[in-house]
PDB file of N, CA and C in Angstrom:
ATOM      1  N   MET A   1      -2.862  32.298  11.699  1.00  0.00           N
ATOM      2  CA  MET A   1      -3.090  30.873  11.594  1.00  0.00           C
ATOM      3  C   MET A   1      -2.726  30.222  12.919  1.00  0.00           C
ATOM      4  N   GLY A   2      -2.589  28.888  12.932  1.00  0.00           N
ATOM      5  CA  GLY A   2      -2.303  28.166  14.168  1.00  0.00           C
ATOM      6  C   GLY A   2      -0.855  28.334  14.590  1.00  0.00           C
ATOM      7  N   LYS A   3      -0.640  28.394  15.878  1.00  0.00           N
ATOM      8  CA  LYS A   3       0.709  28.508  16.418  1.00  0.00           C
ATOM      9  C   LYS A   3       1.240  27.130  16.737  1.00  0.00           C
ATOM     10  N   SER A   4       2.509  26.934  16.533  1.00  0.00           N
ATOM     11  CA  SER A   4       3.140  25.669  16.861  1.00  0.00           C
ATOM     12  C   SER A   4       3.659  25.730  18.295  1.00  0.00           C
ATOM     13  N   ASN A   5       3.444  24.670  19.049  1.00  0.00           N
ATOM     14  CA  ASN A   5       3.951  24.581  20.413  1.00  0.00           C
ATOM     15  C   ASN A   5       5.372  24.043  20.463  1.00  0.00           C
ATOM     16  N   ARG A   6       5.963  23.801  19.330  1.00  0.00           N
ATOM     17  CA  ARG A   6       7.295  23.222  19.247  1.00  0.00           C
ATOM     18  C   ARG A   6       8.334  24.289  19.532  1.00  0.00           C
ATOM     19  N   GLN A   7       9.306  23.930  20.354  1.00  0.00           N
ATOM     20  CA  GLN A   7      10.398  24.841  20.671  1.00  0.00           C
ATOM     21  C   GLN A   7      11.414  24.827  19.529  1.00  0.00           C
ATOM     22  N   PRO A   8      12.124  25.927  19.300  1.00  0.00           N
ATOM     23  CA  PRO A   8      13.157  25.926  18.257  1.00  0.00           C
ATOM     24  C   PRO A   8      14.216  24.876  18.575  1.00  0.00           C
ATOM     25  N   GLY A   9      14.626  24.165  17.552  1.00  0.00           N
ATOM     26  CA  GLY A   9      15.654  23.146  17.726  1.00  0.00           C
ATOM     27  C   GLY A   9      15.090  21.760  17.995  1.00  0.00           C
ATOM     28  N   GLN A  10      13.794  21.650  18.276  1.00  0.00           N
ATOM     29  CA  GLN A  10      13.170  20.350  18.487  1.00  0.00           C
ATOM     30  C   GLN A  10      12.742  19.784  17.139  1.00  0.00           C
ATOM     31  N   PRO A  11      12.882  18.463  16.970  1.00  0.00           N
ATOM     32  CA  PRO A  11      12.386  17.875  15.722  1.00  0.00           C
ATOM     33  C   PRO A  11      10.867  17.914  15.700  1.00  0.00           C
ATOM     34  N   PRO A  12      10.277  17.942  14.523  1.00  0.00           N
ATOM     35  CA  PRO A  12       8.815  17.977  14.443  1.00  0.00           C
ATOM     36  C   PRO A  12       8.217  16.693  15.020  1.00  0.00           C
ATOM     37  N   SER A  13       7.049  16.822  15.615  1.00  0.00           N
ATOM     38  CA  SER A  13       6.400  15.639  16.193  1.00  0.00           C
ATOM     39  C   SER A  13       5.933  14.728  15.070  1.00  0.00           C
ATOM     40  N   ASN A  14       5.819  13.470  15.407  1.00  0.00           N
ATOM     41  CA  ASN A  14       5.375  12.488  14.418  1.00  0.00           C
ATOM     42  C   ASN A  14       3.854  12.413  14.467  1.00  0.00           C
ATOM     43  N   ARG A  15       3.204  13.302  13.746  1.00  0.00           N
ATOM     44  CA  ARG A  15       1.757  13.410  13.764  1.00  0.00           C
ATOM     45  C   ARG A  15       1.098  12.189  13.128  1.00  0.00           C
ATOM     46  N   TYR A  16       1.714  11.618  12.106  1.00  0.00           N
ATOM     47  CA  TYR A  16       1.164  10.473  11.402  1.00  0.00           C
ATOM     48  C   TYR A  16       2.131   9.303  11.533  1.00  0.00           C
ATOM     49  N   PRO A  17       2.023   8.492  12.582  1.00  0.00           N
ATOM     50  CA  PRO A  17       2.975   7.392  12.771  1.00  0.00           C
ATOM     51  C   PRO A  17       2.855   6.360  11.660  1.00  0.00           C
ATOM     52  N   GLY A  18       3.986   5.764  11.310  1.00  0.00           N
ATOM     53  CA  GLY A  18       4.012   4.745  10.279  1.00  0.00           C
ATOM     54  C   GLY A  18       4.206   5.283   8.888  1.00  0.00           C
ATOM     55  N   ARG A  19       4.095   6.581   8.709  1.00  0.00           N
ATOM     56  CA  ARG A  19       4.256   7.176   7.394  1.00  0.00           C
ATOM     57  C   ARG A  19       5.667   7.738   7.279  1.00  0.00           C
ATOM     58  N   ASN A  20       6.291   7.533   6.154  1.00  0.00           N
ATOM     59  CA  ASN A  20       7.635   8.047   5.871  1.00  0.00           C
ATOM     60  C   ASN A  20       8.649   7.595   6.921  1.00  0.00           C
ATOM     61  N   GLN A  21       8.496   6.378   7.394  1.00  0.00           N
ATOM     62  CA  GLN A  21       9.437   5.841   8.367  1.00  0.00           C
ATOM     63  C   GLN A  21      10.536   5.088   7.623  1.00  0.00           C
ATOM     64  N   PRO A  22      11.778   5.266   8.028  1.00  0.00           N
ATOM     65  CA  PRO A  22      12.823   4.464   7.408  1.00  0.00           C
ATOM     66  C   PRO A  22      12.688   3.008   7.849  1.00  0.00           C
ATOM     67  N   GLY A  23      13.139   2.105   7.035  1.00  0.00           N
ATOM     68  CA  GLY A  23      13.060   0.693   7.414  1.00  0.00           C
ATOM     69  C   GLY A  23      12.420  -0.122   6.312  1.00  0.00           C
ATOM     70  N   ARG A  24      11.686  -1.143   6.717  1.00  0.00           N
ATOM     71  CA  ARG A  24      11.079  -2.055   5.752  1.00  0.00           C
ATOM     72  C   ARG A  24      10.037  -1.360   4.888  1.00  0.00           C
ATOM     73  N   LYS A  25       9.879  -1.874   3.695  1.00  0.00           N
ATOM     74  CA  LYS A  25       8.885  -1.343   2.771  1.00  0.00           C
ATOM     75  C   LYS A  25       7.481  -1.629   3.293  1.00  0.00           C
ATOM     76  N   GLN A  26       6.533  -0.833   2.855  1.00  0.00           N
ATOM     77  CA  GLN A  26       5.144  -1.036   3.260  1.00  0.00           C
ATOM     78  C   GLN A  26       4.544  -2.256   2.558  1.00  0.00           C
ATOM     79  N   MET A  27       4.943  -2.491   1.315  1.00  0.00           N
ATOM     80  CA  MET A  27       4.416  -3.622   0.563  1.00  0.00           C
ATOM     81  C   MET A  27       5.170  -4.893   0.929  1.00  0.00           C
ATOM     82  N   PRO A  28       4.486  -6.027   0.981  1.00  0.00           N
ATOM     83  CA  PRO A  28       5.178  -7.282   1.265  1.00  0.00           C
ATOM     84  C   PRO A  28       6.094  -7.671   0.105  1.00  0.00           C
ATOM     85  N   GLU A  29       7.126  -8.388   0.425  1.00  0.00           N
ATOM     86  CA  GLU A  29       8.102  -8.820  -0.589  1.00  0.00           C
ATOM     87  C   GLU A  29       7.448  -9.850  -1.508  1.00  0.00           C
ATOM     88  N   ARG A  30       7.615  -9.690  -2.798  1.00  0.00           N
ATOM     89  CA  ARG A  30       7.087 -10.643  -3.763  1.00  0.00           C
ATOM     90  C   ARG A  30       8.221 -11.514  -4.271  1.00  0.00           C
ATOM     91  N   SER A  31       7.892 -12.745  -4.580  1.00  0.00           N
ATOM     92  CA  SER A  31       8.901 -13.639  -5.152  1.00  0.00           C
ATOM     93  C   SER A  31       9.186 -13.206  -6.588  1.00  0.00           C
ATOM     94  N   ARG A  32      10.319 -13.620  -7.097  1.00  0.00           N
ATOM     95  CA  ARG A  32      10.689 -13.255  -8.459  1.00  0.00           C
ATOM     96  C   ARG A  32       9.708 -13.858  -9.466  1.00  0.00           C
ATOM     97  N   GLY A  33       9.247 -15.077  -9.201  1.00  0.00           N
ATOM     98  CA  GLY A  33       8.285 -15.707 -10.101  1.00  0.00           C
ATOM     99  C   GLY A  33       6.962 -14.958 -10.134  1.00  0.00           C
ATOM    100  N   GLN A  34       6.500 -14.517  -8.975  1.00  0.00           N
ATOM    101  CA  GLN A  34       5.248 -13.772  -8.911  1.00  0.00           C
ATOM    102  C   GLN A  34       5.386 -12.425  -9.620  1.00  0.00           C
ATOM    103  N   GLN A  35       6.520 -11.784  -9.437  1.00  0.00           N
ATOM    104  CA  GLN A  35       6.768 -10.513 -10.112  1.00  0.00           C
ATOM    105  C   GLN A  35       6.801 -10.714 -11.629  1.00  0.00           C
ATOM    106  N   THR A  36       7.408 -11.804 -12.075  1.00  0.00           N
ATOM    107  CA  THR A  36       7.468 -12.109 -13.504  1.00  0.00           C
ATOM    108  C   THR A  36       6.072 -12.344 -14.064  1.00  0.00           C
ATOM    109  N   ARG A  37       5.244 -13.081 -13.326  1.00  0.00           N
ATOM    110  CA  ARG A  37       3.875 -13.336 -13.793  1.00  0.00           C
ATOM    111  C   ARG A  37       3.076 -12.040 -13.904  1.00  0.00           C
ATOM    112  N   LEU A  38       3.292 -11.096 -13.000  1.00  0.00           N
ATOM    113  CA  LEU A  38       2.587  -9.815 -13.094  1.00  0.00           C
ATOM    114  C   LEU A  38       3.036  -9.011 -14.313  1.00  0.00           C
ATOM    115  N   TRP A  39       4.332  -9.041 -14.611  1.00  0.00           N
ATOM    116  CA  TRP A  39       4.830  -8.352 -15.806  1.00  0.00           C
ATOM    117  C   TRP A  39       4.262  -8.989 -17.076  1.00  0.00           C
ATOM    118  N   ILE A  40       4.187 -10.315 -17.100  1.00  0.00           N
ATOM    119  CA  ILE A  40       3.626 -11.004 -18.266  1.00  0.00           C
ATOM    120  C   ILE A  40       2.149 -10.658 -18.410  1.00  0.00           C
ATOM    121  N   LEU A  41       1.426 -10.575 -17.290  1.00  0.00           N
ATOM    122  CA  LEU A  41       0.019 -10.185 -17.326  1.00  0.00           C
ATOM    123  C   LEU A  41      -0.149  -8.804 -17.949  1.00  0.00           C
ATOM    124  N   SER A  42       0.683  -7.857 -17.537  1.00  0.00           N
ATOM    125  CA  SER A  42       0.562  -6.508 -18.093  1.00  0.00           C
ATOM    126  C   SER A  42       0.915  -6.480 -19.575  1.00  0.00           C
ATOM    127  N   LEU A  43       1.902  -7.272 -19.965  1.00  0.00           N
ATOM    128  CA  LEU A  43       2.274  -7.344 -21.383  1.00  0.00           C
ATOM    129  C   LEU A  43       1.159  -7.975 -22.208  1.00  0.00           C
ATOM    130  N   CYS A  44       0.520  -9.021 -21.658  1.00  0.00           N
ATOM    131  CA  CYS A  44      -0.591  -9.676 -22.367  1.00  0.00           C
ATOM    132  C   CYS A  44      -1.794  -8.745 -22.529  1.00  0.00           C
ATOM    133  N   GLY A  45      -1.927  -7.769 -21.671  1.00  0.00           N
ATOM    134  CA  GLY A  45      -3.000  -6.796 -21.832  1.00  0.00           C
ATOM    135  C   GLY A  45      -2.603  -5.653 -22.740  1.00  0.00           C
ATOM    136  N   ALA A  46      -1.328  -5.256 -22.686  1.00  0.00           N
ATOM    137  CA  ALA A  46      -0.874  -4.098 -23.458  1.00  0.00           C
ATOM    138  C   ALA A  46      -0.788  -4.386 -24.947  1.00  0.00           C
ATOM    139  N   VAL A  47      -0.364  -5.582 -25.321  1.00  0.00           N
ATOM    140  CA  VAL A  47      -0.190  -5.893 -26.749  1.00  0.00           C
ATOM    141  C   VAL A  47      -1.525  -5.861 -27.494  1.00  0.00           C
ATOM    142  N   PRO A  48      -2.561  -6.583 -27.035  1.00  0.00           N
ATOM    143  CA  PRO A  48      -3.837  -6.470 -27.766  1.00  0.00           C
ATOM    144  C   PRO A  48      -4.416  -5.060 -27.737  1.00  0.00           C
ATOM    145  N   GLY A  49      -4.240  -4.359 -26.620  1.00  0.00           N
ATOM    146  CA  GLY A  49      -4.729  -2.984 -26.552  1.00  0.00           C
ATOM    147  C   GLY A  49      -4.045  -2.094 -27.570  1.00  0.00           C
ATOM    148  N   ALA A  50      -2.738  -2.253 -27.708  1.00  0.00           N
ATOM    149  CA  ALA A  50      -1.987  -1.444 -28.681  1.00  0.00           C
ATOM    150  C   ALA A  50      -2.376  -1.798 -30.111  1.00  0.00           C
ATOM    151  N   ILE A  51      -2.615  -3.071 -30.376  1.00  0.00           N
ATOM    152  CA  ILE A  51      -3.012  -3.487 -31.730  1.00  0.00           C
ATOM    153  C   ILE A  51      -4.377  -2.891 -32.075  1.00  0.00           C
ATOM    154  N   VAL A  52      -5.296  -2.918 -31.121  1.00  0.00           N
ATOM    155  CA  VAL A  52      -6.632  -2.358 -31.368  1.00  0.00           C
ATOM    156  C   VAL A  52      -6.546  -0.852 -31.587  1.00  0.00           C
ATOM    157  N   VAL A  53      -5.714  -0.170 -30.818  1.00  0.00           N
ATOM    158  CA  VAL A  53      -5.551   1.277 -31.018  1.00  0.00           C
ATOM    159  C   VAL A  53      -4.994   1.563 -32.407  1.00  0.00           C
ATOM    160  N   SER A  54      -4.012   0.777 -32.846  1.00  0.00           N
ATOM    161  CA  SER A  54      -3.422   1.041 -34.159  1.00  0.00           C
ATOM    162  C   SER A  54      -4.402   0.734 -35.291  1.00  0.00           C
ATOM    163  N   LEU A  55      -5.267  -0.248 -35.098  1.00  0.00           N
ATOM    164  CA  LEU A  55      -6.221  -0.590 -36.154  1.00  0.00           C
ATOM    165  C   LEU A  55      -7.422   0.351 -36.187  1.00  0.00           C
ATOM    166  N   THR A  56      -7.916   0.749 -35.029  1.00  0.00           N
ATOM    167  CA  THR A  56      -9.135   1.555 -34.981  1.00  0.00           C
ATOM    168  C   THR A  56      -8.872   3.052 -34.823  1.00  0.00           C
ATOM    169  N   GLN A  57      -7.647   3.417 -34.445  1.00  0.00           N
ATOM    170  CA  GLN A  57      -7.299   4.816 -34.172  1.00  0.00           C
ATOM    171  C   GLN A  57      -8.163   5.388 -33.045  1.00  0.00           C
ATOM    172  N   SER A  58      -8.583   4.522 -32.124  1.00  0.00           N
ATOM    173  CA  SER A  58      -9.413   4.953 -31.006  1.00  0.00           C
ATOM    174  C   SER A  58      -8.763   4.500 -29.703  1.00  0.00           C
ATOM    175  N   PHE A  59      -8.361   5.483 -28.913  1.00  0.00           N
ATOM    176  CA  PHE A  59      -7.727   5.165 -27.632  1.00  0.00           C
ATOM    177  C   PHE A  59      -8.685   4.429 -26.708  1.00  0.00           C
ATOM    178  N   TRP A  60      -9.934   4.875 -26.637  1.00  0.00           N
ATOM    179  CA  TRP A  60     -10.887   4.306 -25.692  1.00  0.00           C
ATOM    180  C   TRP A  60     -11.208   2.856 -26.010  1.00  0.00           C
ATOM    181  N   THR A  61     -11.264   2.499 -27.273  1.00  0.00           N
ATOM    182  CA  THR A  61     -11.486   1.107 -27.639  1.00  0.00           C
ATOM    183  C   THR A  61     -10.298   0.254 -27.209  1.00  0.00           C
ATOM    184  N   GLY A  62      -9.095   0.759 -27.429  1.00  0.00           N
ATOM    185  CA  GLY A  62      -7.895   0.033 -26.997  1.00  0.00           C
ATOM    186  C   GLY A  62      -7.808  -0.093 -25.487  1.00  0.00           C
ATOM    187  N   ALA A  63      -8.204   0.970 -24.783  1.00  0.00           N
ATOM    188  CA  ALA A  63      -8.192   0.919 -23.317  1.00  0.00           C
ATOM    189  C   ALA A  63      -9.211  -0.102 -22.819  1.00  0.00           C
ATOM    190  N   ALA A  64     -10.362  -0.183 -23.482  1.00  0.00           N
ATOM    191  CA  ALA A  64     -11.373  -1.169 -23.086  1.00  0.00           C
ATOM    192  C   ALA A  64     -10.865  -2.593 -23.305  1.00  0.00           C
ATOM    193  N   VAL A  65     -10.185  -2.812 -24.418  1.00  0.00           N
ATOM    194  CA  VAL A  65      -9.612  -4.137 -24.686  1.00  0.00           C
ATOM    195  C   VAL A  65      -8.545  -4.459 -23.639  1.00  0.00           C
ATOM    196  N   PHE A  66      -7.682  -3.506 -23.337  1.00  0.00           N
ATOM    197  CA  PHE A  66      -6.651  -3.705 -22.313  1.00  0.00           C
ATOM    198  C   PHE A  66      -7.285  -4.091 -20.977  1.00  0.00           C
ATOM    199  N   LEU A  67      -8.280  -3.322 -20.548  1.00  0.00           N
ATOM    200  CA  LEU A  67      -8.920  -3.606 -19.266  1.00  0.00           C
ATOM    201  C   LEU A  67      -9.627  -4.952 -19.268  1.00  0.00           C
ATOM    202  N   GLY A  68     -10.277  -5.275 -20.364  1.00  0.00           N
ATOM    203  CA  GLY A  68     -10.958  -6.572 -20.451  1.00  0.00           C
ATOM    204  C   GLY A  68      -9.989  -7.731 -20.331  1.00  0.00           C
ATOM    205  N   VAL A  69      -8.880  -7.648 -21.058  1.00  0.00           N
ATOM    206  CA  VAL A  69      -7.884  -8.723 -21.009  1.00  0.00           C
ATOM    207  C   VAL A  69      -7.256  -8.814 -19.626  1.00  0.00           C
ATOM    208  N   VAL A  70      -6.906  -7.672 -19.045  1.00  0.00           N
ATOM    209  CA  VAL A  70      -6.262  -7.685 -17.723  1.00  0.00           C
ATOM    210  C   VAL A  70      -7.229  -8.195 -16.652  1.00  0.00           C
ATOM    211  N   ILE A  71      -8.490  -7.839 -16.735  1.00  0.00           N
ATOM    212  CA  ILE A  71      -9.459  -8.319 -15.741  1.00  0.00           C
ATOM    213  C   ILE A  71      -9.629  -9.830 -15.844  1.00  0.00           C
ATOM    214  N   VAL A  72      -9.801 -10.344 -17.047  1.00  0.00           N
ATOM    215  CA  VAL A  72     -10.007 -11.787 -17.222  1.00  0.00           C
ATOM    216  C   VAL A  72      -8.742 -12.559 -16.828  1.00  0.00           C
ATOM    217  N   LEU A  73      -7.596 -12.175 -17.392  1.00  0.00           N
ATOM    218  CA  LEU A  73      -6.361 -12.892 -17.060  1.00  0.00           C
ATOM    219  C   LEU A  73      -5.928 -12.648 -15.621  1.00  0.00           C
ATOM    220  N   GLY A  74      -6.219 -11.468 -15.094  1.00  0.00           N
ATOM    221  CA  GLY A  74      -5.889 -11.178 -13.701  1.00  0.00           C
ATOM    222  C   GLY A  74      -6.677 -12.051 -12.751  1.00  0.00           C
ATOM    223  N   PHE A  75      -7.947 -12.312 -13.063  1.00  0.00           N
ATOM    224  CA  PHE A  75      -8.741 -13.200 -12.227  1.00  0.00           C
ATOM    225  C   PHE A  75      -8.180 -14.622 -12.272  1.00  0.00           C
ATOM    226  N   ILE A  76      -7.789 -15.065 -13.458  1.00  0.00           N
ATOM    227  CA  ILE A  76      -7.185 -16.397 -13.590  1.00  0.00           C
ATOM    228  C   ILE A  76      -5.871 -16.456 -12.815  1.00  0.00           C
ATOM    229  N   LEU A  77      -5.049 -15.430 -12.918  1.00  0.00           N
ATOM    230  CA  LEU A  77      -3.781 -15.391 -12.177  1.00  0.00           C
ATOM    231  C   LEU A  77      -4.024 -15.351 -10.677  1.00  0.00           C
ATOM    232  N   TYR A  78      -5.041 -14.619 -10.245  1.00  0.00           N
ATOM    233  CA  TYR A  78      -5.386 -14.556  -8.825  1.00  0.00           C
ATOM    234  C   TYR A  78      -5.758 -15.942  -8.301  1.00  0.00           C
ATOM    235  N   GLN A  79      -6.579 -16.653  -9.066  1.00  0.00           N
ATOM    236  CA  GLN A  79      -6.958 -18.006  -8.665  1.00  0.00           C
ATOM    237  C   GLN A  79      -5.741 -18.924  -8.611  1.00  0.00           C
ATOM    238  N   TYR A  80      -4.834 -18.791  -9.566  1.00  0.00           N
ATOM    239  CA  TYR A  80      -3.611 -19.592  -9.590  1.00  0.00           C
ATOM    240  C   TYR A  80      -2.747 -19.305  -8.361  1.00  0.00           C
ATOM    241  N   GLU A  81      -2.551 -18.028  -8.037  1.00  0.00           N
ATOM    242  CA  GLU A  81      -1.727 -17.662  -6.878  1.00  0.00           C
ATOM    243  C   GLU A  81      -2.373 -18.143  -5.588  1.00  0.00           C
ATOM    244  N   LYS A  82      -3.698 -18.047  -5.505  1.00  0.00           N
ATOM    245  CA  LYS A  82      -4.414 -18.474  -4.316  1.00  0.00           C
ATOM    246  C   LYS A  82      -4.267 -19.993  -4.136  1.00  0.00           C
ATOM    247  N   ARG A  83      -4.409 -20.727  -5.222  1.00  0.00           N
ATOM    248  CA  ARG A  83      -4.275 -22.188  -5.170  1.00  0.00           C
ATOM    249  C   ARG A  83      -2.830 -22.586  -4.865  1.00  0.00           C
ATOM    250  N   LYS A  84      -1.874 -21.814  -5.370  1.00  0.00           N
ATOM    251  CA  LYS A  84      -0.466 -22.131  -5.151  1.00  0.00           C
ATOM    252  C   LYS A  84      -0.077 -21.945  -3.669  1.00  0.00           C
ATOM    253  N   GLN A  85      -0.701 -20.990  -2.987  1.00  0.00           N
ATOM    254  CA  GLN A  85      -0.399 -20.759  -1.576  1.00  0.00           C
ATOM    255  C   GLN A  85      -0.933 -21.871  -0.686  1.00  0.00           C
ATOM    256  N   GLN A  86      -1.977 -22.565  -1.118  1.00  0.00           N
ATOM    257  CA  GLN A  86      -2.570 -23.633  -0.296  1.00  0.00           C
ATOM    258  C   GLN A  86      -1.787 -24.890  -0.306  1.00  0.00           C
TER     259      GLN A  86
END
C-alpha cells in the first residue's frame, strides 16, 4: 500500500483542516428560547404521529403524519424566526 513520509515521533499531518479541531463548536449558538421552540416543534409532531401509530398499528402512516406536521409547523416557525431577526 502507500508509504507514509512521516518520521517516527512526528504528529500526523492535518490532512483535513477544520475537522476535529478543539475550540468552538461548528454549529452557531442558539438562544434558549429558540432551542425551546425547536423542542416544542418536535413534540407537536411526535404526539400526533404516536397517536396515529397506536390507532392504525401502521408505522408508515404515523411517520407520514409526523413529517406532515413537522413540515407545516416547521415552515411557520421558520417564518417566525426570520421575521424575529429583522
